[in-house]
Amino acid sequence: MSLIIDTDDTQPFPYLGEEALRLPITAALRKVVDPEVALSIVDVGLIYQVAVAERRVHVLMTMTSAACPVADEIMDDVERQLDVVVPADYRIELELCWEPPWTPERITPQGQRLMGW
C-alpha cells in the first residue's frame, strides 16, 4: 500500500491515503453535480478533504450555504458514486461541515471557465 499526504496546491482538494484510490475517488466525486449550479461538486469546491485509512474513506465537505435545499440529494449521490469505486470492505464516511464557510473563491479554474467567469 502506497500512502501519500497531498500538499499539491494544484489538486482540487487535499487527499491523504492510498494512492491507488486517489484517481477513482476523484473521478467518482466529479460525477456528482450540484444541481443548483450544474457543476461537479469538485469544481464548485464543496470537497474540503478526502482521507483514506484503516478501511475507511472519510470525505469532509460543505455546501454553498447552510440552507442548501439539495444537500441530502448531493450527499446521497456522493455515497452512491463512492460505493462504485471504493472496495466493498471499506466504510464510507461523509462529514458535512460549515467551517471554513464556502465562498466562490473555492470554485476551481475549470469551474470558473465553465461558468464563464
PDB file of N, CA and C in Angstrom:
ATOM      1  N   MET A   1       0.840  -1.171   0.000  1.00  0.00           N
ATOM      2  CA  MET A   1       0.000   0.000   0.000  1.00  0.00           C
ATOM      3  C   MET A   1       0.886   1.235   0.000  1.00  0.00           C
ATOM      4  N   SER A   2       0.642   2.123  -0.941  1.00  0.00           N
ATOM      5  CA  SER A   2       1.386   3.371  -1.025  1.00  0.00           C
ATOM      6  C   SER A   2       0.571   4.474  -0.360  1.00  0.00           C
ATOM      7  N   LEU A   3       1.126   5.102   0.647  1.00  0.00           N
ATOM      8  CA  LEU A   3       0.446   6.180   1.356  1.00  0.00           C
ATOM      9  C   LEU A   3       1.005   7.519   0.943  1.00  0.00           C
ATOM     10  N   ILE A   4       0.135   8.488   0.792  1.00  0.00           N
ATOM     11  CA  ILE A   4       0.630   9.798   0.464  1.00  0.00           C
ATOM     12  C   ILE A   4      -0.099  10.851   1.279  1.00  0.00           C
ATOM     13  N   ILE A   5       0.576  11.919   1.551  1.00  0.00           N
ATOM     14  CA  ILE A   5      -0.045  13.097   2.131  1.00  0.00           C
ATOM     15  C   ILE A   5       0.096  14.175   1.083  1.00  0.00           C
ATOM     16  N   ASP A   6      -1.010  14.671   0.621  1.00  0.00           N
ATOM     17  CA  ASP A   6      -1.027  15.593  -0.510  1.00  0.00           C
ATOM     18  C   ASP A   6      -0.822  17.034  -0.041  1.00  0.00           C
ATOM     19  N   THR A   7       0.182  17.673  -0.587  1.00  0.00           N
ATOM     20  CA  THR A   7       0.395  19.090  -0.331  1.00  0.00           C
ATOM     21  C   THR A   7       0.434  19.868  -1.643  1.00  0.00           C
ATOM     22  N   ASP A   8      -0.054  19.262  -2.712  1.00  0.00           N
ATOM     23  CA  ASP A   8      -0.043  19.869  -4.037  1.00  0.00           C
ATOM     24  C   ASP A   8      -1.217  20.832  -4.169  1.00  0.00           C
ATOM     25  N   ASP A   9      -0.916  22.115  -4.291  1.00  0.00           N
ATOM     26  CA  ASP A   9      -1.961  23.128  -4.387  1.00  0.00           C
ATOM     27  C   ASP A   9      -2.730  23.084  -5.700  1.00  0.00           C
ATOM     28  N   THR A  10      -2.240  22.327  -6.695  1.00  0.00           N
ATOM     29  CA  THR A  10      -2.948  22.249  -7.967  1.00  0.00           C
ATOM     30  C   THR A  10      -4.085  21.225  -7.927  1.00  0.00           C
ATOM     31  N   GLN A  11      -4.126  20.391  -6.918  1.00  0.00           N
ATOM     32  CA  GLN A  11      -5.199  19.414  -6.790  1.00  0.00           C
ATOM     33  C   GLN A  11      -6.462  20.111  -6.283  1.00  0.00           C
ATOM     34  N   PRO A  12      -7.641  19.598  -6.665  1.00  0.00           N
ATOM     35  CA  PRO A  12      -8.876  20.286  -6.286  1.00  0.00           C
ATOM     36  C   PRO A  12      -9.210  20.199  -4.793  1.00  0.00           C
ATOM     37  N   PHE A  13      -8.626  19.215  -4.101  1.00  0.00           N
ATOM     38  CA  PHE A  13      -8.831  19.086  -2.656  1.00  0.00           C
ATOM     39  C   PHE A  13      -7.689  18.254  -2.091  1.00  0.00           C
ATOM     40  N   PRO A  14      -7.377  18.435  -0.808  1.00  0.00           N
ATOM     41  CA  PRO A  14      -6.333  17.604  -0.197  1.00  0.00           C
ATOM     42  C   PRO A  14      -6.770  16.135  -0.126  1.00  0.00           C
ATOM     43  N   TYR A  15      -5.857  15.266  -0.449  1.00  0.00           N
ATOM     44  CA  TYR A  15      -6.099  13.819  -0.397  1.00  0.00           C
ATOM     45  C   TYR A  15      -5.012  13.198   0.461  1.00  0.00           C
ATOM     46  N   LEU A  16      -5.434  12.379   1.421  1.00  0.00           N
ATOM     47  CA  LEU A  16      -4.496  11.653   2.267  1.00  0.00           C
ATOM     48  C   LEU A  16      -4.856  10.179   2.188  1.00  0.00           C
ATOM     49  N   GLY A  17      -3.895   9.338   1.878  1.00  0.00           N
ATOM     50  CA  GLY A  17      -4.198   7.919   1.885  1.00  0.00           C
ATOM     51  C   GLY A  17      -3.609   7.143   0.736  1.00  0.00           C
ATOM     52  N   GLU A  18      -4.273   6.041   0.423  1.00  0.00           N
ATOM     53  CA  GLU A  18      -3.797   5.097  -0.576  1.00  0.00           C
ATOM     54  C   GLU A  18      -3.813   5.722  -1.967  1.00  0.00           C
ATOM     55  N   GLU A  19      -2.654   5.777  -2.580  1.00  0.00           N
ATOM     56  CA  GLU A  19      -2.530   6.386  -3.904  1.00  0.00           C
ATOM     57  C   GLU A  19      -3.408   5.679  -4.933  1.00  0.00           C
ATOM     58  N   ALA A  20      -3.565   4.361  -4.815  1.00  0.00           N
ATOM     59  CA  ALA A  20      -4.354   3.604  -5.787  1.00  0.00           C
ATOM     60  C   ALA A  20      -5.826   4.037  -5.822  1.00  0.00           C
ATOM     61  N   LEU A  21      -6.310   4.640  -4.757  1.00  0.00           N
ATOM     62  CA  LEU A  21      -7.711   5.067  -4.712  1.00  0.00           C
ATOM     63  C   LEU A  21      -7.907   6.539  -5.062  1.00  0.00           C
ATOM     64  N   ARG A  22      -6.825   7.292  -5.160  1.00  0.00           N
ATOM     65  CA  ARG A  22      -6.944   8.739  -5.428  1.00  0.00           C
ATOM     66  C   ARG A  22      -7.740   9.031  -6.698  1.00  0.00           C
ATOM     67  N   LEU A  23      -7.316   8.483  -7.817  1.00  0.00           N
ATOM     68  CA  LEU A  23      -7.994   8.781  -9.089  1.00  0.00           C
ATOM     69  C   LEU A  23      -9.422   8.253  -9.147  1.00  0.00           C
ATOM     70  N   PRO A  24      -9.678   7.009  -8.716  1.00  0.00           N
ATOM     71  CA  PRO A  24     -11.067   6.542  -8.743  1.00  0.00           C
ATOM     72  C   PRO A  24     -11.995   7.370  -7.849  1.00  0.00           C
ATOM     73  N   ILE A  25     -11.510   7.763  -6.672  1.00  0.00           N
ATOM     74  CA  ILE A  25     -12.339   8.573  -5.773  1.00  0.00           C
ATOM     75  C   ILE A  25     -12.575   9.954  -6.377  1.00  0.00           C
ATOM     76  N   THR A  26     -11.524  10.564  -6.900  1.00  0.00           N
ATOM     77  CA  THR A  26     -11.674  11.879  -7.519  1.00  0.00           C
ATOM     78  C   THR A  26     -12.652  11.819  -8.693  1.00  0.00           C
ATOM     79  N   ALA A  27     -12.522  10.795  -9.529  1.00  0.00           N
ATOM     80  CA  ALA A  27     -13.423  10.639 -10.673  1.00  0.00           C
ATOM     81  C   ALA A  27     -14.868  10.447 -10.215  1.00  0.00           C
ATOM     82  N   ALA A  28     -15.054   9.648  -9.157  1.00  0.00           N
ATOM     83  CA  ALA A  28     -16.412   9.426  -8.631  1.00  0.00           C
ATOM     84  C   ALA A  28     -17.012  10.726  -8.119  1.00  0.00           C
ATOM     85  N   LEU A  29     -16.214  11.509  -7.379  1.00  0.00           N
ATOM     86  CA  LEU A  29     -16.722  12.781  -6.847  1.00  0.00           C
ATOM     87  C   LEU A  29     -17.023  13.766  -7.967  1.00  0.00           C
ATOM     88  N   ARG A  30     -16.261  13.704  -9.039  1.00  0.00           N
ATOM     89  CA  ARG A  30     -16.517  14.600 -10.185  1.00  0.00           C
ATOM     90  C   ARG A  30     -17.843  14.281 -10.876  1.00  0.00           C
ATOM     91  N   LYS A  31     -18.361  13.073 -10.697  1.00  0.00           N
ATOM     92  CA  LYS A  31     -19.642  12.697 -11.300  1.00  0.00           C
ATOM     93  C   LYS A  31     -20.833  13.282 -10.541  1.00  0.00           C
ATOM     94  N   VAL A  32     -20.602  13.741  -9.325  1.00  0.00           N
ATOM     95  CA  VAL A  32     -21.689  14.312  -8.521  1.00  0.00           C
ATOM     96  C   VAL A  32     -21.841  15.779  -8.903  1.00  0.00           C
ATOM     97  N   VAL A  33     -23.034  16.147  -9.306  1.00  0.00           N
ATOM     98  CA  VAL A  33     -23.299  17.505  -9.781  1.00  0.00           C
ATOM     99  C   VAL A  33     -24.149  18.249  -8.764  1.00  0.00           C
ATOM    100  N   ASP A  34     -23.761  19.490  -8.484  1.00  0.00           N
ATOM    101  CA  ASP A  34     -24.595  20.380  -7.673  1.00  0.00           C
ATOM    102  C   ASP A  34     -25.676  20.892  -8.613  1.00  0.00           C
ATOM    103  N   PRO A  35     -26.920  20.460  -8.437  1.00  0.00           N
ATOM    104  CA  PRO A  35     -27.966  20.815  -9.402  1.00  0.00           C
ATOM    105  C   PRO A  35     -28.280  22.311  -9.441  1.00  0.00           C
ATOM    106  N   GLU A  36     -27.929  23.038  -8.411  1.00  0.00           N
ATOM    107  CA  GLU A  36     -28.220  24.479  -8.414  1.00  0.00           C
ATOM    108  C   GLU A  36     -27.302  25.259  -9.351  1.00  0.00           C
ATOM    109  N   VAL A  37     -26.081  24.749  -9.565  1.00  0.00           N
ATOM    110  CA  VAL A  37     -25.149  25.450 -10.452  1.00  0.00           C
ATOM    111  C   VAL A  37     -24.732  24.608 -11.657  1.00  0.00           C
ATOM    112  N   ALA A  38     -25.213  23.373 -11.717  1.00  0.00           N
ATOM    113  CA  ALA A  38     -24.937  22.460 -12.832  1.00  0.00           C
ATOM    114  C   ALA A  38     -23.446  22.234 -13.056  1.00  0.00           C
ATOM    115  N   LEU A  39     -22.708  22.111 -11.952  1.00  0.00           N
ATOM    116  CA  LEU A  39     -21.272  21.815 -11.995  1.00  0.00           C
ATOM    117  C   LEU A  39     -20.966  20.688 -11.021  1.00  0.00           C
ATOM    118  N   SER A  40     -19.872  19.995 -11.288  1.00  0.00           N
ATOM    119  CA  SER A  40     -19.379  18.971 -10.374  1.00  0.00           C
ATOM    120  C   SER A  40     -19.120  19.598  -9.001  1.00  0.00           C
ATOM    121  N   ILE A  41     -19.392  18.849  -7.942  1.00  0.00           N
ATOM    122  CA  ILE A  41     -19.125  19.361  -6.595  1.00  0.00           C
ATOM    123  C   ILE A  41     -17.634  19.597  -6.375  1.00  0.00           C
ATOM    124  N   VAL A  42     -16.799  18.893  -7.138  1.00  0.00           N
ATOM    125  CA  VAL A  42     -15.353  19.126  -7.056  1.00  0.00           C
ATOM    126  C   VAL A  42     -15.040  20.515  -7.605  1.00  0.00           C
ATOM    127  N   ASP A  43     -15.596  20.848  -8.772  1.00  0.00           N
ATOM    128  CA  ASP A  43     -15.331  22.149  -9.378  1.00  0.00           C
ATOM    129  C   ASP A  43     -15.979  23.298  -8.610  1.00  0.00           C
ATOM    130  N   VAL A  44     -17.079  23.021  -7.927  1.00  0.00           N
ATOM    131  CA  VAL A  44     -17.709  24.054  -7.096  1.00  0.00           C
ATOM    132  C   VAL A  44     -16.874  24.305  -5.839  1.00  0.00           C
ATOM    133  N   GLY A  45     -16.050  23.319  -5.460  1.00  0.00           N
ATOM    134  CA  GLY A  45     -15.216  23.476  -4.270  1.00  0.00           C
ATOM    135  C   GLY A  45     -15.880  23.000  -3.000  1.00  0.00           C
ATOM    136  N   LEU A  46     -16.802  22.054  -3.127  1.00  0.00           N
ATOM    137  CA  LEU A  46     -17.507  21.557  -1.945  1.00  0.00           C
ATOM    138  C   LEU A  46     -16.724  20.494  -1.183  1.00  0.00           C
ATOM    139  N   ILE A  47     -15.710  19.906  -1.788  1.00  0.00           N
ATOM    140  CA  ILE A  47     -14.904  18.878  -1.125  1.00  0.00           C
ATOM    141  C   ILE A  47     -13.718  19.550  -0.455  1.00  0.00           C
ATOM    142  N   TYR A  48     -13.651  19.436   0.862  1.00  0.00           N
ATOM    143  CA  TYR A  48     -12.552  20.042   1.622  1.00  0.00           C
ATOM    144  C   TYR A  48     -11.376  19.087   1.783  1.00  0.00           C
ATOM    145  N   GLN A  49     -11.672  17.781   1.898  1.00  0.00           N
ATOM    146  CA  GLN A  49     -10.595  16.802   2.079  1.00  0.00           C
ATOM    147  C   GLN A  49     -11.149  15.392   1.928  1.00  0.00           C
ATOM    148  N   VAL A  50     -10.304  14.500   1.424  1.00  0.00           N
ATOM    149  CA  VAL A  50     -10.599  13.069   1.404  1.00  0.00           C
ATOM    150  C   VAL A  50      -9.441  12.376   2.096  1.00  0.00           C
ATOM    151  N   ALA A  51      -9.773  11.526   3.079  1.00  0.00           N
ATOM    152  CA  ALA A  51      -8.753  10.761   3.793  1.00  0.00           C
ATOM    153  C   ALA A  51      -9.135   9.284   3.749  1.00  0.00           C
ATOM    154  N   VAL A  52      -8.180   8.465   3.327  1.00  0.00           N
ATOM    155  CA  VAL A  52      -8.396   7.025   3.256  1.00  0.00           C
ATOM    156  C   VAL A  52      -7.420   6.368   4.227  1.00  0.00           C
ATOM    157  N   ALA A  53      -7.958   5.663   5.201  1.00  0.00           N
ATOM    158  CA  ALA A  53      -7.121   4.975   6.197  1.00  0.00           C
ATOM    159  C   ALA A  53      -7.957   3.923   6.905  1.00  0.00           C
ATOM    160  N   GLU A  54      -7.306   2.852   7.277  1.00  0.00           N
ATOM    161  CA  GLU A  54      -7.925   1.794   8.085  1.00  0.00           C
ATOM    162  C   GLU A  54      -9.283   1.354   7.529  1.00  0.00           C
ATOM    163  N   ARG A  55      -9.305   1.111   6.225  1.00  0.00           N
ATOM    164  CA  ARG A  55     -10.511   0.629   5.540  1.00  0.00           C
ATOM    165  C   ARG A  55     -11.697   1.577   5.677  1.00  0.00           C
ATOM    166  N   ARG A  56     -11.405   2.856   5.625  1.00  0.00           N
ATOM    167  CA  ARG A  56     -12.491   3.829   5.591  1.00  0.00           C
ATOM    168  C   ARG A  56     -12.102   4.988   4.689  1.00  0.00           C
ATOM    169  N   VAL A  57     -13.111   5.551   4.066  1.00  0.00           N
ATOM    170  CA  VAL A  57     -12.937   6.730   3.226  1.00  0.00           C
ATOM    171  C   VAL A  57     -13.741   7.835   3.895  1.00  0.00           C
ATOM    172  N   HIS A  58     -13.028   8.841   4.363  1.00  0.00           N
ATOM    173  CA  HIS A  58     -13.669   9.962   5.045  1.00  0.00           C
ATOM    174  C   HIS A  58     -13.645  11.172   4.125  1.00  0.00           C
ATOM    175  N   VAL A  59     -14.827  11.701   3.809  1.00  0.00           N
ATOM    176  CA  VAL A  59     -14.954  12.863   2.943  1.00  0.00           C
ATOM    177  C   VAL A  59     -15.465  14.028   3.780  1.00  0.00           C
ATOM    178  N   LEU A  60     -14.653  15.059   3.861  1.00  0.00           N
ATOM    179  CA  LEU A  60     -15.038  16.291   4.544  1.00  0.00           C
ATOM    180  C   LEU A  60     -15.529  17.250   3.474  1.00  0.00           C
ATOM    181  N   MET A  61     -16.775  17.680   3.605  1.00  0.00           N
ATOM    182  CA  MET A  61     -17.366  18.503   2.555  1.00  0.00           C
ATOM    183  C   MET A  61     -18.295  19.547   3.133  1.00  0.00           C
ATOM    184  N   THR A  62     -18.715  20.448   2.286  1.00  0.00           N
ATOM    185  CA  THR A  62     -19.624  21.510   2.687  1.00  0.00           C
ATOM    186  C   THR A  62     -20.667  21.706   1.602  1.00  0.00           C
ATOM    187  N   MET A  63     -21.515  22.667   1.806  1.00  0.00           N
ATOM    188  CA  MET A  63     -22.481  23.101   0.798  1.00  0.00           C
ATOM    189  C   MET A  63     -22.272  24.601   0.597  1.00  0.00           C
ATOM    190  N   THR A  64     -22.860  25.136  -0.458  1.00  0.00           N
ATOM    191  CA  THR A  64     -22.682  26.557  -0.720  1.00  0.00           C
ATOM    192  C   THR A  64     -23.365  27.414   0.339  1.00  0.00           C
ATOM    193  N   SER A  65     -24.357  26.851   1.028  1.00  0.00           N
ATOM    194  CA  SER A  65     -24.989  27.548   2.156  1.00  0.00           C
ATOM    195  C   SER A  65     -25.591  26.519   3.096  1.00  0.00           C
ATOM    196  N   ALA A  66     -25.748  26.908   4.351  1.00  0.00           N
ATOM    197  CA  ALA A  66     -26.334  26.008   5.343  1.00  0.00           C
ATOM    198  C   ALA A  66     -27.791  25.692   5.010  1.00  0.00           C
ATOM    199  N   ALA A  67     -28.417  26.535   4.224  1.00  0.00           N
ATOM    200  CA  ALA A  67     -29.813  26.332   3.841  1.00  0.00           C
ATOM    201  C   ALA A  67     -29.947  25.638   2.482  1.00  0.00           C
ATOM    202  N   CYS A  68     -28.902  24.995   2.030  1.00  0.00           N
ATOM    203  CA  CYS A  68     -28.908  24.345   0.720  1.00  0.00           C
ATOM    204  C   CYS A  68     -30.067  23.342   0.632  1.00  0.00           C
ATOM    205  N   PRO A  69     -31.008  23.555  -0.282  1.00  0.00           N
ATOM    206  CA  PRO A  69     -32.167  22.670  -0.368  1.00  0.00           C
ATOM    207  C   PRO A  69     -31.859  21.287  -0.961  1.00  0.00           C
ATOM    208  N   VAL A  70     -30.684  21.119  -1.563  1.00  0.00           N
ATOM    209  CA  VAL A  70     -30.355  19.841  -2.195  1.00  0.00           C
ATOM    210  C   VAL A  70     -29.212  19.118  -1.474  1.00  0.00           C
ATOM    211  N   ALA A  71     -28.920  19.507  -0.247  1.00  0.00           N
ATOM    212  CA  ALA A  71     -27.805  18.898   0.495  1.00  0.00           C
ATOM    213  C   ALA A  71     -27.972  17.385   0.616  1.00  0.00           C
ATOM    214  N   ASP A  72     -29.154  16.925   0.987  1.00  0.00           N
ATOM    215  CA  ASP A  72     -29.369  15.478   1.132  1.00  0.00           C
ATOM    216  C   ASP A  72     -29.187  14.750  -0.194  1.00  0.00           C
ATOM    217  N   GLU A  73     -29.672  15.347  -1.264  1.00  0.00           N
ATOM    218  CA  GLU A  73     -29.539  14.753  -2.596  1.00  0.00           C
ATOM    219  C   GLU A  73     -28.060  14.642  -2.990  1.00  0.00           C
ATOM    220  N   ILE A  74     -27.299  15.684  -2.736  1.00  0.00           N
ATOM    221  CA  ILE A  74     -25.873  15.667  -3.068  1.00  0.00           C
ATOM    222  C   ILE A  74     -25.143  14.625  -2.230  1.00  0.00           C
ATOM    223  N   MET A  75     -25.419  14.589  -0.942  1.00  0.00           N
ATOM    224  CA  MET A  75     -24.747  13.618  -0.057  1.00  0.00           C
ATOM    225  C   MET A  75     -25.084  12.183  -0.470  1.00  0.00           C
ATOM    226  N   ASP A  76     -26.343  11.929  -0.802  1.00  0.00           N
ATOM    227  CA  ASP A  76     -26.734  10.586  -1.262  1.00  0.00           C
ATOM    228  C   ASP A  76     -25.998  10.215  -2.543  1.00  0.00           C
ATOM    229  N   ASP A  77     -25.858  11.171  -3.451  1.00  0.00           N
ATOM    230  CA  ASP A  77     -25.168  10.909  -4.711  1.00  0.00           C
ATOM    231  C   ASP A  77     -23.681  10.654  -4.475  1.00  0.00           C
ATOM    232  N   VAL A  78     -23.069  11.388  -3.556  1.00  0.00           N
ATOM    233  CA  VAL A  78     -21.661  11.142  -3.213  1.00  0.00           C
ATOM    234  C   VAL A  78     -21.495   9.703  -2.738  1.00  0.00           C
ATOM    235  N   GLU A  79     -22.361   9.288  -1.837  1.00  0.00           N
ATOM    236  CA  GLU A  79     -22.253   7.921  -1.321  1.00  0.00           C
ATOM    237  C   GLU A  79     -22.457   6.887  -2.429  1.00  0.00           C
ATOM    238  N   ARG A  80     -23.437   7.102  -3.292  1.00  0.00           N
ATOM    239  CA  ARG A  80     -23.678   6.165  -4.412  1.00  0.00           C
ATOM    240  C   ARG A  80     -22.468   6.070  -5.330  1.00  0.00           C
ATOM    241  N   GLN A  81     -21.885   7.202  -5.683  1.00  0.00           N
ATOM    242  CA  GLN A  81     -20.737   7.197  -6.594  1.00  0.00           C
ATOM    243  C   GLN A  81     -19.515   6.547  -5.947  1.00  0.00           C
ATOM    244  N   LEU A  82     -19.291   6.822  -4.667  1.00  0.00           N
ATOM    245  CA  LEU A  82     -18.143   6.215  -3.981  1.00  0.00           C
ATOM    246  C   LEU A  82     -18.330   4.711  -3.817  1.00  0.00           C
ATOM    247  N   ASP A  83     -19.564   4.272  -3.604  1.00  0.00           N
ATOM    248  CA  ASP A  83     -19.840   2.831  -3.475  1.00  0.00           C
ATOM    249  C   ASP A  83     -19.353   2.055  -4.690  1.00  0.00           C
ATOM    250  N   VAL A  84     -19.345   2.688  -5.845  1.00  0.00           N
ATOM    251  CA  VAL A  84     -18.945   2.024  -7.084  1.00  0.00           C
ATOM    252  C   VAL A  84     -17.434   1.801  -7.127  1.00  0.00           C
ATOM    253  N   VAL A  85     -16.636   2.700  -6.543  1.00  0.00           N
ATOM    254  CA  VAL A  85     -15.180   2.639  -6.710  1.00  0.00           C
ATOM    255  C   VAL A  85     -14.401   2.241  -5.448  1.00  0.00           C
ATOM    256  N   VAL A  86     -15.031   2.336  -4.302  1.00  0.00           N
ATOM    257  CA  VAL A  86     -14.344   2.009  -3.045  1.00  0.00           C
ATOM    258  C   VAL A  86     -14.492   0.511  -2.779  1.00  0.00           C
ATOM    259  N   PRO A  87     -13.428  -0.160  -2.340  1.00  0.00           N
ATOM    260  CA  PRO A  87     -13.541  -1.591  -2.033  1.00  0.00           C
ATOM    261  C   PRO A  87     -14.702  -1.865  -1.065  1.00  0.00           C
ATOM    262  N   ALA A  88     -15.360  -2.990  -1.267  1.00  0.00           N
ATOM    263  CA  ALA A  88     -16.562  -3.330  -0.502  1.00  0.00           C
ATOM    264  C   ALA A  88     -16.318  -3.395   1.003  1.00  0.00           C
ATOM    265  N   ASP A  89     -15.092  -3.721   1.410  1.00  0.00           N
ATOM    266  CA  ASP A  89     -14.834  -3.829   2.855  1.00  0.00           C
ATOM    267  C   ASP A  89     -14.411  -2.488   3.480  1.00  0.00           C
ATOM    268  N   TYR A  90     -14.512  -1.398   2.731  1.00  0.00           N
ATOM    269  CA  TYR A  90     -14.210  -0.065   3.253  1.00  0.00           C
ATOM    270  C   TYR A  90     -15.520   0.624   3.653  1.00  0.00           C
ATOM    271  N   ARG A  91     -15.457   1.392   4.711  1.00  0.00           N
ATOM    272  CA  ARG A  91     -16.606   2.164   5.171  1.00  0.00           C
ATOM    273  C   ARG A  91     -16.488   3.582   4.582  1.00  0.00           C
ATOM    274  N   ILE A  92     -17.595   4.100   4.102  1.00  0.00           N
ATOM    275  CA  ILE A  92     -17.633   5.468   3.578  1.00  0.00           C
ATOM    276  C   ILE A  92     -18.242   6.361   4.642  1.00  0.00           C
ATOM    277  N   GLU A  93     -17.520   7.419   4.987  1.00  0.00           N
ATOM    278  CA  GLU A  93     -17.994   8.373   5.991  1.00  0.00           C
ATOM    279  C   GLU A  93     -18.027   9.761   5.363  1.00  0.00           C
ATOM    280  N   LEU A  94     -19.200  10.372   5.360  1.00  0.00           N
ATOM    281  CA  LEU A  94     -19.339  11.729   4.849  1.00  0.00           C
ATOM    282  C   LEU A  94     -19.544  12.661   6.031  1.00  0.00           C
ATOM    283  N   GLU A  95     -18.751  13.715   6.071  1.00  0.00           N
ATOM    284  CA  GLU A  95     -18.873  14.693   7.144  1.00  0.00           C
ATOM    285  C   GLU A  95     -19.152  16.055   6.524  1.00  0.00           C
ATOM    286  N   LEU A  96     -20.298  16.604   6.889  1.00  0.00           N
ATOM    287  CA  LEU A  96     -20.687  17.917   6.407  1.00  0.00           C
ATOM    288  C   LEU A  96     -20.228  18.953   7.427  1.00  0.00           C
ATOM    289  N   CYS A  97     -19.495  19.959   6.976  1.00  0.00           N
ATOM    290  CA  CYS A  97     -19.002  20.987   7.896  1.00  0.00           C
ATOM    291  C   CYS A  97     -19.297  22.369   7.333  1.00  0.00           C
ATOM    292  N   TRP A  98     -19.228  23.353   8.189  1.00  0.00           N
ATOM    293  CA  TRP A  98     -19.533  24.732   7.791  1.00  0.00           C
ATOM    294  C   TRP A  98     -18.365  25.678   8.031  1.00  0.00           C
ATOM    295  N   GLU A  99     -17.284  25.174   8.567  1.00  0.00           N
ATOM    296  CA  GLU A  99     -16.088  25.983   8.817  1.00  0.00           C
ATOM    297  C   GLU A  99     -14.912  25.335   8.119  1.00  0.00           C
ATOM    298  N   PRO A 100     -14.193  26.021   7.291  1.00  0.00           N
ATOM    299  CA  PRO A 100     -14.474  27.394   6.893  1.00  0.00           C
ATOM    300  C   PRO A 100     -15.690  27.436   5.979  1.00  0.00           C
ATOM    301  N   PRO A 101     -16.399  28.538   5.980  1.00  0.00           N
ATOM    302  CA  PRO A 101     -17.570  28.628   5.103  1.00  0.00           C
ATOM    303  C   PRO A 101     -17.159  28.619   3.634  1.00  0.00           C
ATOM    304  N   TRP A 102     -18.030  28.064   2.806  1.00  0.00           N
ATOM    305  CA  TRP A 102     -17.785  28.059   1.369  1.00  0.00           C
ATOM    306  C   TRP A 102     -17.856  29.490   0.843  1.00  0.00           C
ATOM    307  N   THR A 103     -16.977  29.798  -0.104  1.00  0.00           N
ATOM    308  CA  THR A 103     -17.021  31.081  -0.811  1.00  0.00           C
ATOM    309  C   THR A 103     -16.770  30.805  -2.290  1.00  0.00           C
ATOM    310  N   PRO A 104     -17.160  31.706  -3.171  1.00  0.00           N
ATOM    311  CA  PRO A 104     -16.932  31.489  -4.609  1.00  0.00           C
ATOM    312  C   PRO A 104     -15.455  31.309  -4.969  1.00  0.00           C
ATOM    313  N   GLU A 105     -14.541  31.756  -4.126  1.00  0.00           N
ATOM    314  CA  GLU A 105     -13.111  31.576  -4.401  1.00  0.00           C
ATOM    315  C   GLU A 105     -12.715  30.106  -4.411  1.00  0.00           C
ATOM    316  N   ARG A 106     -13.559  29.229  -3.857  1.00  0.00           N
ATOM    317  CA  ARG A 106     -13.268  27.793  -3.830  1.00  0.00           C
ATOM    318  C   ARG A 106     -13.521  27.131  -5.186  1.00  0.00           C
ATOM    319  N   ILE A 107     -14.222  27.801  -6.081  1.00  0.00           N
ATOM    320  CA  ILE A 107     -14.503  27.224  -7.396  1.00  0.00           C
ATOM    321  C   ILE A 107     -13.175  27.052  -8.141  1.00  0.00           C
ATOM    322  N   THR A 108     -12.979  25.887  -8.719  1.00  0.00           N
ATOM    323  CA  THR A 108     -11.734  25.601  -9.436  1.00  0.00           C
ATOM    324  C   THR A 108     -11.643  26.457 -10.696  1.00  0.00           C
ATOM    325  N   PRO A 109     -10.436  26.609 -11.242  1.00  0.00           N
ATOM    326  CA  PRO A 109     -10.306  27.330 -12.518  1.00  0.00           C
ATOM    327  C   PRO A 109     -11.186  26.727 -13.619  1.00  0.00           C
ATOM    328  N   GLN A 110     -11.275  25.404 -13.648  1.00  0.00           N
ATOM    329  CA  GLN A 110     -12.137  24.750 -14.639  1.00  0.00           C
ATOM    330  C   GLN A 110     -13.589  25.145 -14.418  1.00  0.00           C
ATOM    331  N   GLY A 111     -14.019  25.147 -13.168  1.00  0.00           N
ATOM    332  CA  GLY A 111     -15.386  25.557 -12.850  1.00  0.00           C
ATOM    333  C   GLY A 111     -15.664  26.994 -13.232  1.00  0.00           C
ATOM    334  N   GLN A 112     -14.684  27.851 -13.006  1.00  0.00           N
ATOM    335  CA  GLN A 112     -14.833  29.267 -13.377  1.00  0.00           C
ATOM    336  C   GLN A 112     -14.986  29.405 -14.891  1.00  0.00           C
ATOM    337  N   ARG A 113     -14.191  28.631 -15.644  1.00  0.00           N
ATOM    338  CA  ARG A 113     -14.301  28.678 -17.105  1.00  0.00           C
ATOM    339  C   ARG A 113     -15.688  28.214 -17.553  1.00  0.00           C
ATOM    340  N   LEU A 114     -16.173  27.117 -16.955  1.00  0.00           N
ATOM    341  CA  LEU A 114     -17.480  26.603 -17.318  1.00  0.00           C
ATOM    342  C   LEU A 114     -18.606  27.573 -16.980  1.00  0.00           C
ATOM    343  N   MET A 115     -18.394  28.393 -15.954  1.00  0.00           N
ATOM    344  CA  MET A 115     -19.398  29.386 -15.565  1.00  0.00           C
ATOM    345  C   MET A 115     -19.247  30.687 -16.353  1.00  0.00           C
ATOM    346  N   GLY A 116     -18.199  30.763 -17.164  1.00  0.00           N
ATOM    347  CA  GLY A 116     -17.970  31.957 -17.967  1.00  0.00           C
ATOM    348  C   GLY A 116     -17.357  33.110 -17.205  1.00  0.00           C
ATOM    349  N   TRP A 117     -16.642  32.809 -16.129  1.00  0.00           N
ATOM    350  CA  TRP A 117     -16.001  33.862 -15.312  1.00  0.00           C
ATOM    351  C   TRP A 117     -14.667  34.229 -15.895  1.00  0.00           C
TER     352      TRP A 117
END
